[in-house]
Each structure stands twice: as structure tokens, then as C-alpha cells.
Amino acid sequence: MGMDYEERQVGNVTILDISGRIDVGVPLAFGAGAGHPLQEVIRDFAGRGQKNIVLNLRDVAYIDSSGIGDLVGSATTLRKQGGDLKIVNPSMVVQKLLRVTRVDTVIEVKPDEASALGAFSKA
């Protein structure tokens, strides 16, 4: 199974509803970023001025170490350009992985979109 996303805009925040698996060699299957890894897609959004991004991981079943690297690299890219990355709705399995790898100390993980959007407002 590949990975795909749907894009939504709420004010100055882009929300990407991701589904599938975030792992090595699995490019996005659908959407404007089809055929590209997640980090490249986020770099493209940043290049178009969309620098505040929320990743809704509700429908992501699995993330491997390269996927973790994509998340951290994406956050770094956005922050260098004055934006940020937030994660919302991770499944229990994904949430545990984010905690074990300490990604949750580098990228804010929020329980829902409203919390993530509010965090951008406070920044």
C-alpha cells in the first residue's frame, strides 16, 4: 500500500490528511505530489509560501525510520523558512513510535486539528 494525501487550507495553515504508510521507497500515490516522497512534497508547499503545515496522521498505519527522517527533515525545512510543522491524530502505534524515537520532542504532536491550529495562532 502506498501513501496519499488530501490538502485543505485553514487560514494560513495547510492541512495534509495522510493515509497509508510512511516508509522507505514509498512515494505519495495520489495528489499533486504523486511519485514524490513526503519531504519533497512539503518542500514544494514551502516553496509556494505554504510554510505552516499540519500532518493529520489518523489514517497512517505505519512509519519506518526513513519516514521518521522525512518528518524531522520536513520540520527543519519549514522552520528555516519561518514556518512550522505539527502532527495531529496519530494512531496509538504511531504515537508510541513518535514517543520512543523522541520525535515528539522535536515536532509538536496535538490530539486534534483545533489544538494544532491554536498553536500556530500563539506562535
C-alpha atoms as a PDB file:
ATOM      1  CA  MET A   1       0.000   0.000   0.000  1.00  0.00           C
ATOM      2  CA  GLY A   2       1.302   3.440  -0.891  1.00  0.00           C
ATOM      3  CA  MET A   3       0.743   6.759   0.756  1.00  0.00           C
ATOM      4  CA  ASP A   4      -1.567   9.523  -0.391  1.00  0.00           C
ATOM      5  CA  TYR A   5      -2.893  12.815   0.890  1.00  0.00           C
ATOM      6  CA  GLU A   6      -5.661  15.339   0.575  1.00  0.00           C
ATOM      7  CA  GLU A   7      -4.880  19.008   1.039  1.00  0.00           C
ATOM      8  CA  ARG A   8      -7.034  21.523   2.894  1.00  0.00           C
ATOM      9  CA  GLN A   9      -6.384  25.160   3.768  1.00  0.00           C
ATOM     10  CA  VAL A  10      -7.492  26.785   7.039  1.00  0.00           C
ATOM     11  CA  GLY A  11      -6.340  30.394   7.121  1.00  0.00           C
ATOM     12  CA  ASN A  12      -2.568  30.374   6.666  1.00  0.00           C
ATOM     13  CA  VAL A  13      -2.254  26.683   7.643  1.00  0.00           C
ATOM     14  CA  THR A  14      -2.180  23.803   5.162  1.00  0.00           C
ATOM     15  CA  ILE A  15      -3.579  20.546   6.481  1.00  0.00           C
ATOM     16  CA  LEU A  16      -2.467  17.337   4.785  1.00  0.00           C
ATOM     17  CA  ASP A  17      -4.634  14.311   5.539  1.00  0.00           C
ATOM     18  CA  ILE A  18      -2.136  11.492   5.035  1.00  0.00           C
ATOM     19  CA  SER A  19      -3.145   7.857   4.633  1.00  0.00           C
ATOM     20  CA  GLY A  20      -1.236   4.636   4.127  1.00  0.00           C
ATOM     21  CA  ARG A  21       2.359   4.017   5.181  1.00  0.00           C
ATOM     22  CA  ILE A  22       5.253   6.441   5.536  1.00  0.00           C
ATOM     23  CA  ASP A  23       8.244   4.251   4.788  1.00  0.00           C
ATOM     24  CA  VAL A  24      11.322   3.889   2.645  1.00  0.00           C
ATOM     25  CA  GLY A  25      10.706   3.934  -1.069  1.00  0.00           C
ATOM     26  CA  VAL A  26       7.002   4.693  -0.747  1.00  0.00           C
ATOM     27  CA  PRO A  27       6.241   7.898  -2.612  1.00  0.00           C
ATOM     28  CA  LEU A  28       2.898   9.593  -2.419  1.00  0.00           C
ATOM     29  CA  ALA A  29       0.476   7.740  -4.637  1.00  0.00           C
ATOM     30  CA  PHE A  30      -2.053  10.491  -5.264  1.00  0.00           C
ATOM     31  CA  GLY A  31      -2.421  14.237  -5.063  1.00  0.00           C
ATOM     32  CA  ALA A  32      -0.238  16.936  -6.532  1.00  0.00           C
ATOM     33  CA  GLY A  33       2.851  15.256  -5.060  1.00  0.00           C
ATOM     34  CA  ALA A  34       2.287  11.871  -6.697  1.00  0.00           C
ATOM     35  CA  GLY A  35       5.521   9.979  -7.152  1.00  0.00           C
ATOM     36  CA  HIS A  36       7.496  12.042  -4.616  1.00  0.00           C
ATOM     37  CA  PRO A  37       8.494  11.347  -1.003  1.00  0.00           C
ATOM     38  CA  LEU A  38       6.687  13.289   1.720  1.00  0.00           C
ATOM     39  CA  GLN A  39       9.666  15.556   2.428  1.00  0.00           C
ATOM     40  CA  GLU A  40       9.797  16.709  -1.212  1.00  0.00           C
ATOM     41  CA  VAL A  41       6.072  17.435  -1.201  1.00  0.00           C
ATOM     42  CA  ILE A  42       6.409  19.558   1.935  1.00  0.00           C
ATOM     43  CA  ARG A  43       9.430  21.352   0.438  1.00  0.00           C
ATOM     44  CA  ASP A  44       7.240  22.158  -2.586  1.00  0.00           C
ATOM     45  CA  PHE A  45       4.486  23.574  -0.342  1.00  0.00           C
ATOM     46  CA  ALA A  46       7.073  25.736   1.439  1.00  0.00           C
ATOM     47  CA  GLY A  47       8.370  26.959  -1.913  1.00  0.00           C
ATOM     48  CA  ARG A  48       4.852  28.132  -2.736  1.00  0.00           C
ATOM     49  CA  GLY A  49       4.614  30.047   0.540  1.00  0.00           C
ATOM     50  CA  GLN A  50       2.650  27.420   2.476  1.00  0.00           C
ATOM     51  CA  LYS A  51       5.005  27.200   5.444  1.00  0.00           C
ATOM     52  CA  ASN A  52       2.651  26.244   8.276  1.00  0.00           C
ATOM     53  CA  ILE A  53       1.652  22.625   7.806  1.00  0.00           C
ATOM     54  CA  VAL A  54      -0.356  20.166   9.873  1.00  0.00           C
ATOM     55  CA  LEU A  55       0.024  16.469   9.106  1.00  0.00           C
ATOM     56  CA  ASN A  56      -3.126  14.566  10.027  1.00  0.00           C
ATOM     57  CA  LEU A  57      -1.829  11.031  10.599  1.00  0.00           C
ATOM     58  CA  ARG A  58      -5.162   9.478  11.618  1.00  0.00           C
ATOM     59  CA  ASP A  59      -5.058   7.055   8.664  1.00  0.00           C
ATOM     60  CA  VAL A  60      -1.321   6.253   8.800  1.00  0.00           C
ATOM     61  CA  ALA A  61      -0.791   2.693   9.974  1.00  0.00           C
ATOM     62  CA  TYR A  62       2.997   2.575   9.927  1.00  0.00           C
ATOM     63  CA  ILE A  63       6.093   4.782   9.839  1.00  0.00           C
ATOM     64  CA  ASP A  64       9.617   3.384   9.446  1.00  0.00           C
ATOM     65  CA  SER A  65      12.939   5.078  10.218  1.00  0.00           C
ATOM     66  CA  SER A  66      13.114   6.785   6.818  1.00  0.00           C
ATOM     67  CA  GLY A  67       9.593   8.127   7.402  1.00  0.00           C
ATOM     68  CA  ILE A  68      10.741   9.483  10.767  1.00  0.00           C
ATOM     69  CA  GLY A  69      13.628  11.139   8.926  1.00  0.00           C
ATOM     70  CA  ASP A  70      11.167  12.668   6.451  1.00  0.00           C
ATOM     71  CA  LEU A  71       9.122  14.141   9.305  1.00  0.00           C
ATOM     72  CA  VAL A  72      12.154  15.675  11.027  1.00  0.00           C
ATOM     73  CA  GLY A  73      13.603  16.907   7.720  1.00  0.00           C
ATOM     74  CA  SER A  74      10.265  18.462   6.800  1.00  0.00           C
ATOM     75  CA  ALA A  75      10.040  20.290  10.129  1.00  0.00           C
ATOM     76  CA  THR A  76      13.596  21.589   9.666  1.00  0.00           C
ATOM     77  CA  THR A  77      12.836  22.808   6.136  1.00  0.00           C
ATOM     78  CA  LEU A  78       9.721  24.679   7.271  1.00  0.00           C
ATOM     79  CA  ARG A  79      11.399  26.243  10.303  1.00  0.00           C
ATOM     80  CA  LYS A  80      14.309  27.535   8.214  1.00  0.00           C
ATOM     81  CA  GLN A  81      11.719  29.370   6.125  1.00  0.00           C
ATOM     82  CA  GLY A  82       9.815  30.814   9.079  1.00  0.00           C
ATOM     83  CA  GLY A  83       7.106  28.161   9.288  1.00  0.00           C
ATOM     84  CA  ASP A  84       6.470  25.038  11.319  1.00  0.00           C
ATOM     85  CA  LEU A  85       5.100  21.503  11.213  1.00  0.00           C
ATOM     86  CA  LYS A  86       2.587  19.961  13.615  1.00  0.00           C
ATOM     87  CA  ILE A  87       1.273  16.403  13.785  1.00  0.00           C
ATOM     88  CA  VAL A  88      -2.304  15.542  14.755  1.00  0.00           C
ATOM     89  CA  ASN A  89      -4.361  12.415  15.321  1.00  0.00           C
ATOM     90  CA  PRO A  90      -1.608   9.777  15.316  1.00  0.00           C
ATOM     91  CA  SER A  91      -2.837   6.238  15.941  1.00  0.00           C
ATOM     92  CA  MET A  92      -1.670   4.624  19.182  1.00  0.00           C
ATOM     93  CA  VAL A  93       1.016   2.671  17.277  1.00  0.00           C
ATOM     94  CA  VAL A  94       2.314   5.781  15.508  1.00  0.00           C
ATOM     95  CA  GLN A  95       2.068   7.862  18.684  1.00  0.00           C
ATOM     96  CA  LYS A  96       4.181   5.297  20.555  1.00  0.00           C
ATOM     97  CA  LEU A  97       6.779   5.325  17.764  1.00  0.00           C
ATOM     98  CA  LEU A  98       6.942   9.130  17.843  1.00  0.00           C
ATOM     99  CA  ARG A  99       7.468   8.972  21.604  1.00  0.00           C
ATOM    100  CA  VAL A 100      10.104   6.183  21.518  1.00  0.00           C
ATOM    101  CA  THR A 101      12.099   7.944  18.793  1.00  0.00           C
ATOM    102  CA  ARG A 102      11.627  11.265  20.632  1.00  0.00           C
ATOM    103  CA  VAL A 103      10.246  12.915  17.519  1.00  0.00           C
ATOM    104  CA  ASP A 104       7.528  14.293  19.792  1.00  0.00           C
ATOM    105  CA  THR A 105      10.229  16.477  21.402  1.00  0.00           C
ATOM    106  CA  VAL A 106      11.136  17.967  18.016  1.00  0.00           C
ATOM    107  CA  ILE A 107       7.674  18.217  16.408  1.00  0.00           C
ATOM    108  CA  GLU A 108       4.565  19.146  18.364  1.00  0.00           C
ATOM    109  CA  VAL A 109       2.024  16.331  18.419  1.00  0.00           C
ATOM    110  CA  LYS A 110      -1.500  17.564  19.083  1.00  0.00           C
ATOM    111  CA  PRO A 111      -4.615  15.484  19.754  1.00  0.00           C
ATOM    112  CA  ASP A 112      -6.731  17.323  17.163  1.00  0.00           C
ATOM    113  CA  GLU A 113      -6.723  19.979  14.463  1.00  0.00           C
ATOM    114  CA  ALA A 114      -8.159  22.704  16.676  1.00  0.00           C
ATOM    115  CA  SER A 115      -5.205  22.355  19.072  1.00  0.00           C
ATOM    116  CA  ALA A 116      -2.708  22.467  16.209  1.00  0.00           C
ATOM    117  CA  LEU A 117      -4.348  25.497  14.610  1.00  0.00           C
ATOM    118  CA  GLY A 118      -4.384  27.223  18.010  1.00  0.00           C
ATOM    119  CA  ALA A 119      -0.674  26.507  18.446  1.00  0.00           C
ATOM    120  CA  PHE A 120       0.034  28.309  15.164  1.00  0.00           C
ATOM    121  CA  SER A 121      -2.026  31.283  16.344  1.00  0.00           C
ATOM    122  CA  LYS A 122       0.058  31.601  19.518  1.00  0.00           C
ATOM    123  CA  ALA A 123       3.387  31.447  17.683  1.00  0.00           C
END
